[in-house]
C-alpha atoms as a PDB file:
ATOM      1  CA  MET A   1    -126.327 -55.191 -44.843  1.00  0.00           C
ATOM      2  CA  SER A   2    -124.804 -52.037 -43.402  1.00  0.00           C
ATOM      3  CA  LEU A   3    -125.042 -48.378 -44.285  1.00  0.00           C
ATOM      4  CA  VAL A   4    -121.857 -46.666 -45.318  1.00  0.00           C
ATOM      5  CA  LYS A   5    -121.639 -42.927 -44.882  1.00  0.00           C
ATOM      6  CA  PHE A   6    -120.424 -41.293 -48.076  1.00  0.00           C
ATOM      7  CA  SER A   7    -118.449 -38.072 -47.709  1.00  0.00           C
ATOM      8  CA  ASN A   8    -118.259 -36.062 -50.884  1.00  0.00           C
ATOM      9  CA  SER A   9    -115.089 -33.962 -50.884  1.00  0.00           C
ATOM     10  CA  TYR A  10    -116.293 -31.895 -53.825  1.00  0.00           C
ATOM     11  CA  PRO A  11    -118.421 -28.785 -53.304  1.00  0.00           C
ATOM     12  CA  ASP A  12    -122.122 -29.239 -53.625  1.00  0.00           C
ATOM     13  CA  LEU A  13    -123.565 -28.431 -57.043  1.00  0.00           C
ATOM     14  CA  PHE A  14    -125.738 -25.712 -55.530  1.00  0.00           C
ATOM     15  CA  ASP A  15    -122.738 -24.089 -53.809  1.00  0.00           C
ATOM     16  CA  ARG A  16    -120.846 -23.868 -57.079  1.00  0.00           C
ATOM     17  CA  PHE A  17    -123.892 -22.738 -59.009  1.00  0.00           C
ATOM     18  CA  PHE A  18    -124.825 -20.046 -56.505  1.00  0.00           C
ATOM     19  CA  ASN A  19    -121.214 -18.810 -56.128  1.00  0.00           C
ATOM     20  CA  TYR A  20    -120.688 -19.455 -52.432  1.00  0.00           C
ATOM     21  CA  ASP A  21    -117.264 -19.211 -50.873  1.00  0.00           C
ATOM     22  CA  MET A  22    -116.390 -22.838 -50.200  1.00  0.00           C
ATOM     23  CA  LEU A  23    -114.039 -22.018 -47.323  1.00  0.00           C
ATOM     24  CA  ASN A  24    -116.444 -20.161 -45.077  1.00  0.00           C
ATOM     25  CA  GLY A  25    -119.824 -20.985 -46.573  1.00  0.00           C
ATOM     26  CA  SER A  26    -120.842 -17.433 -47.414  1.00  0.00           C
ATOM     27  CA  SER A  27    -121.463 -15.482 -50.557  1.00  0.00           C
ATOM     28  CA  LYS A  28    -118.585 -13.238 -51.604  1.00  0.00           C
ATOM     29  CA  HIS A  29    -120.967 -10.381 -52.371  1.00  0.00           C
ATOM     30  CA  PHE A  30    -121.926  -9.865 -48.732  1.00  0.00           C
ATOM     31  CA  SER A  31    -119.963  -8.073 -46.039  1.00  0.00           C
ATOM     32  CA  LYS A  32    -119.408  -9.468 -42.558  1.00  0.00           C
ATOM     33  CA  THR A  33    -122.524  -7.582 -41.452  1.00  0.00           C
ATOM     34  CA  ASN A  34    -124.655  -9.415 -44.056  1.00  0.00           C
ATOM     35  CA  THR A  35    -125.261  -6.282 -46.109  1.00  0.00           C
ATOM     36  CA  THR A  36    -124.653  -6.316 -49.813  1.00  0.00           C
ATOM     37  CA  ILE A  37    -121.527  -4.740 -51.234  1.00  0.00           C
ATOM     38  CA  PRO A  38    -122.048  -3.283 -54.718  1.00  0.00           C
ATOM     39  CA  LEU A  39    -119.516  -4.438 -57.283  1.00  0.00           C
ATOM     40  CA  VAL A  40    -117.233  -1.646 -58.512  1.00  0.00           C
ATOM     41  CA  ASN A  41    -115.058  -0.907 -61.539  1.00  0.00           C
ATOM     42  CA  VAL A  42    -112.563   1.962 -61.243  1.00  0.00           C
ATOM     43  CA  SER A  43    -110.682   3.250 -64.277  1.00  0.00           C
ATOM     44  CA  GLU A  44    -108.332   6.142 -64.956  1.00  0.00           C
ATOM     45  CA  ASN A  45    -107.774   8.162 -68.092  1.00  0.00           C
ATOM     46  CA  HIS A  46    -106.065  11.448 -68.979  1.00  0.00           C
ATOM     47  CA  ASP A  47    -108.916  13.584 -67.575  1.00  0.00           C
ATOM     48  CA  GLY A  48    -109.801  11.756 -64.376  1.00  0.00           C
ATOM     49  CA  PHE A  49    -111.137   8.657 -62.678  1.00  0.00           C
ATOM     50  CA  SER A  50    -114.385   6.805 -63.368  1.00  0.00           C
ATOM     51  CA  ILE A  51    -116.208   4.694 -60.813  1.00  0.00           C
ATOM     52  CA  GLU A  52    -118.973   2.387 -62.016  1.00  0.00           C
ATOM     53  CA  MET A  53    -121.078   0.552 -59.429  1.00  0.00           C
ATOM     54  CA  ALA A  54    -123.500  -2.224 -60.363  1.00  0.00           C
ATOM     55  CA  ILE A  55    -126.603  -1.367 -58.325  1.00  0.00           C
ATOM     56  CA  PRO A  56    -129.756  -2.558 -60.116  1.00  0.00           C
ATOM     57  CA  GLY A  57    -133.234  -1.977 -58.723  1.00  0.00           C
ATOM     58  CA  PHE A  58    -132.667   1.526 -57.346  1.00  0.00           C
ATOM     59  CA  LYS A  59    -133.719   5.001 -58.451  1.00  0.00           C
ATOM     60  CA  LYS A  60    -131.303   7.917 -58.751  1.00  0.00           C
ATOM     61  CA  ASP A  61    -132.981   9.600 -55.770  1.00  0.00           C
ATOM     62  CA  ASP A  62    -132.066   6.591 -53.587  1.00  0.00           C
ATOM     63  CA  PHE A  63    -128.350   7.486 -53.639  1.00  0.00           C
ATOM     64  CA  LYS A  64    -126.426   9.856 -51.415  1.00  0.00           C
ATOM     65  CA  LEU A  65    -122.915  10.947 -52.413  1.00  0.00           C
ATOM     66  CA  GLU A  66    -120.938  12.873 -49.813  1.00  0.00           C
ATOM     67  CA  LEU A  67    -117.445  14.322 -49.969  1.00  0.00           C
ATOM     68  CA  ASP A  68    -115.811  14.941 -46.597  1.00  0.00           C
ATOM     69  CA  ASN A  69    -112.093  15.619 -46.068  1.00  0.00           C
ATOM     70  CA  GLY A  70    -111.070  13.888 -49.295  1.00  0.00           C
ATOM     71  CA  ARG A  71    -113.286  10.855 -48.719  1.00  0.00           C
ATOM     72  CA  LEU A  72    -116.105  10.151 -51.186  1.00  0.00           C
ATOM     73  CA  THR A  73    -118.886   8.070 -49.647  1.00  0.00           C
ATOM     74  CA  ILE A  74    -121.604   6.549 -51.815  1.00  0.00           C
ATOM     75  CA  SER A  75    -124.557   5.182 -49.879  1.00  0.00           C
ATOM     76  CA  SER A  76    -128.213   4.299 -50.053  1.00  0.00           C
ATOM     77  CA  GLU A  77    -130.781   3.841 -47.323  1.00  0.00           C
ATOM     78  CA  LYS A  78    -133.392   1.497 -48.697  1.00  0.00           C
ATOM     79  CA  GLU A  79    -135.722  -0.674 -46.701  1.00  0.00           C
ATOM     80  CA  GLU A  80    -136.166  -4.156 -48.065  1.00  0.00           C
ATOM     81  CA  LYS A  81    -139.728  -5.444 -48.088  1.00  0.00           C
ATOM     82  CA  ARG A  82    -140.118  -8.771 -46.327  1.00  0.00           C
ATOM     83  CA  GLU A  83    -141.873 -11.460 -48.255  1.00  0.00           C
ATOM     84  CA  ASP A  84    -143.335 -14.644 -46.882  1.00  0.00           C
ATOM     85  CA  ASP A  85    -141.949 -16.727 -49.739  1.00  0.00           C
ATOM     86  CA  HIS A  86    -139.667 -19.507 -48.646  1.00  0.00           C
ATOM     87  CA  TYR A  87    -136.465 -19.086 -50.631  1.00  0.00           C
ATOM     88  CA  ALA A  88    -133.895 -21.855 -50.849  1.00  0.00           C
ATOM     89  CA  VAL A  89    -131.341 -19.181 -51.789  1.00  0.00           C
ATOM     90  CA  LYS A  90    -131.873 -15.433 -52.018  1.00  0.00           C
ATOM     91  CA  GLU A  91    -128.753 -13.724 -53.383  1.00  0.00           C
ATOM     92  CA  TYR A  92    -129.992 -10.363 -54.554  1.00  0.00           C
ATOM     93  CA  SER A  93    -131.698  -7.792 -52.454  1.00  0.00           C
ATOM     94  CA  TYR A  94    -132.391  -4.099 -52.392  1.00  0.00           C
ATOM     95  CA  GLN A  95    -130.944  -3.060 -49.081  1.00  0.00           C
ATOM     96  CA  SER A  96    -128.866  -0.242 -47.678  1.00  0.00           C
ATOM     97  CA  PHE A  97    -125.158   0.005 -48.409  1.00  0.00           C
ATOM     98  CA  SER A  98    -122.246   2.371 -47.946  1.00  0.00           C
ATOM     99  CA  ARG A  99    -118.945   2.408 -49.807  1.00  0.00           C
ATOM    100  CA  SER A 100    -116.122   4.943 -49.379  1.00  0.00           C
ATOM    101  CA  PHE A 101    -113.172   5.970 -51.534  1.00  0.00           C
ATOM    102  CA  THR A 102    -110.219   8.062 -50.388  1.00  0.00           C
ATOM    103  CA  LEU A 103    -109.372  10.677 -53.005  1.00  0.00           C
ATOM    104  CA  SER A 104    -105.991  12.244 -53.617  1.00  0.00           C
ATOM    105  CA  GLU A 105    -105.330  15.977 -53.558  1.00  0.00           C
ATOM    106  CA  SER A 106    -104.826  15.930 -57.330  1.00  0.00           C
ATOM    107  CA  ILE A 107    -108.558  15.834 -58.114  1.00  0.00           C
ATOM    108  CA  GLU A 108    -111.072  18.643 -58.600  1.00  0.00           C
ATOM    109  CA  GLN A 109    -113.484  18.008 -55.749  1.00  0.00           C
ATOM    110  CA  GLU A 110    -115.907  20.723 -56.900  1.00  0.00           C
ATOM    111  CA  ASN A 111    -116.510  19.094 -60.302  1.00  0.00           C
ATOM    112  CA  ILE A 112    -117.369  15.495 -59.401  1.00  0.00           C
ATOM    113  CA  GLU A 113    -120.343  14.279 -61.460  1.00  0.00           C
ATOM    114  CA  ALA A 114    -122.663  11.300 -61.015  1.00  0.00           C
ATOM    115  CA  SER A 115    -125.349   9.653 -63.129  1.00  0.00           C
ATOM    116  CA  TYR A 116    -127.466   6.509 -62.818  1.00  0.00           C
ATOM    117  CA  ASP A 117    -128.663   4.567 -65.845  1.00  0.00           C
ATOM    118  CA  ASP A 118    -129.638   0.930 -66.462  1.00  0.00           C
ATOM    119  CA  GLY A 119    -128.602  -0.193 -62.971  1.00  0.00           C
ATOM    120  CA  ILE A 120    -125.119   1.346 -63.147  1.00  0.00           C
ATOM    121  CA  LEU A 121    -124.122   4.323 -60.994  1.00  0.00           C
ATOM    122  CA  LYS A 122    -121.349   6.245 -62.769  1.00  0.00           C
ATOM    123  CA  VAL A 123    -119.181   8.762 -60.926  1.00  0.00           C
ATOM    124  CA  PHE A 124    -116.571  10.860 -62.742  1.00  0.00           C
ATOM    125  CA  ILE A 125    -113.806  12.429 -60.660  1.00  0.00           C
ATOM    126  CA  PRO A 126    -111.809  14.948 -62.735  1.00  0.00           C
ATOM    127  CA  LYS A 127    -108.102  15.564 -62.235  1.00  0.00           C
ATOM    128  CA  LYS A 128    -106.667  19.019 -61.620  1.00  0.00           C
ATOM    129  CA  GLU A 129    -104.836  20.444 -64.632  1.00  0.00           C
ATOM    130  CA  GLU A 130    -101.445  20.138 -62.947  1.00  0.00           C
ATOM    131  CA  ALA A 131    -102.097  16.446 -62.250  1.00  0.00           C
ATOM    132  CA  LYS A 132    -102.860  15.583 -65.872  1.00  0.00           C
ATOM    133  CA  PRO A 133     -99.963  14.043 -67.765  1.00  0.00           C
ATOM    134  CA  LYS A 134     -98.185  16.484 -70.032  1.00  0.00           C
ATOM    135  CA  PRO A 135     -97.602  15.571 -73.675  1.00  0.00           C
ATOM    136  CA  ILE A 136     -94.097  14.546 -74.592  1.00  0.00           C
ATOM    137  CA  LYS A 137     -92.109  17.526 -75.780  1.00  0.00           C
ATOM    138  CA  VAL A 138     -89.831  16.855 -78.718  1.00  0.00           C
ATOM    139  CA  ILE A 139     -86.682  18.969 -78.670  1.00  0.00           C
ATOM    140  CA  ASP A 140     -85.032  19.747 -81.982  1.00  0.00           C
ATOM    141  CA  VAL A 141     -81.312  19.168 -82.177  1.00  0.00           C
ATOM    142  CA  LYS A 142     -79.477  22.115 -83.778  1.00  0.00           C
END
């Protein structure tokens, strides 16, 4: 009797379940420096832009928003407590992050607003009046 090595070409069940990148063996929610990258939704409407970042487990005082030369940087310095538990996989953590957005000149930098509720950081970036789309003007034919 001999042992035959079996090579499974399909991803491991745990890899698929825990959302690992099958090409490089890492989670897609981590940067190359192994810090978490908050997930972001950016939308635009008539009045401005909205940024929503999924950042559960923080308090509003944990965030720092800075605007410098048209670049909005959202960051948090938070020290993660080390636990002695032996995790097989640990995908969420409360650690420091920094994310930057380059803003155009068509926004009102002085009126940017931010709020944090239910784990979502919301940032509203208003447009200048001249940047807002004008309504269609109907011209009467005489």
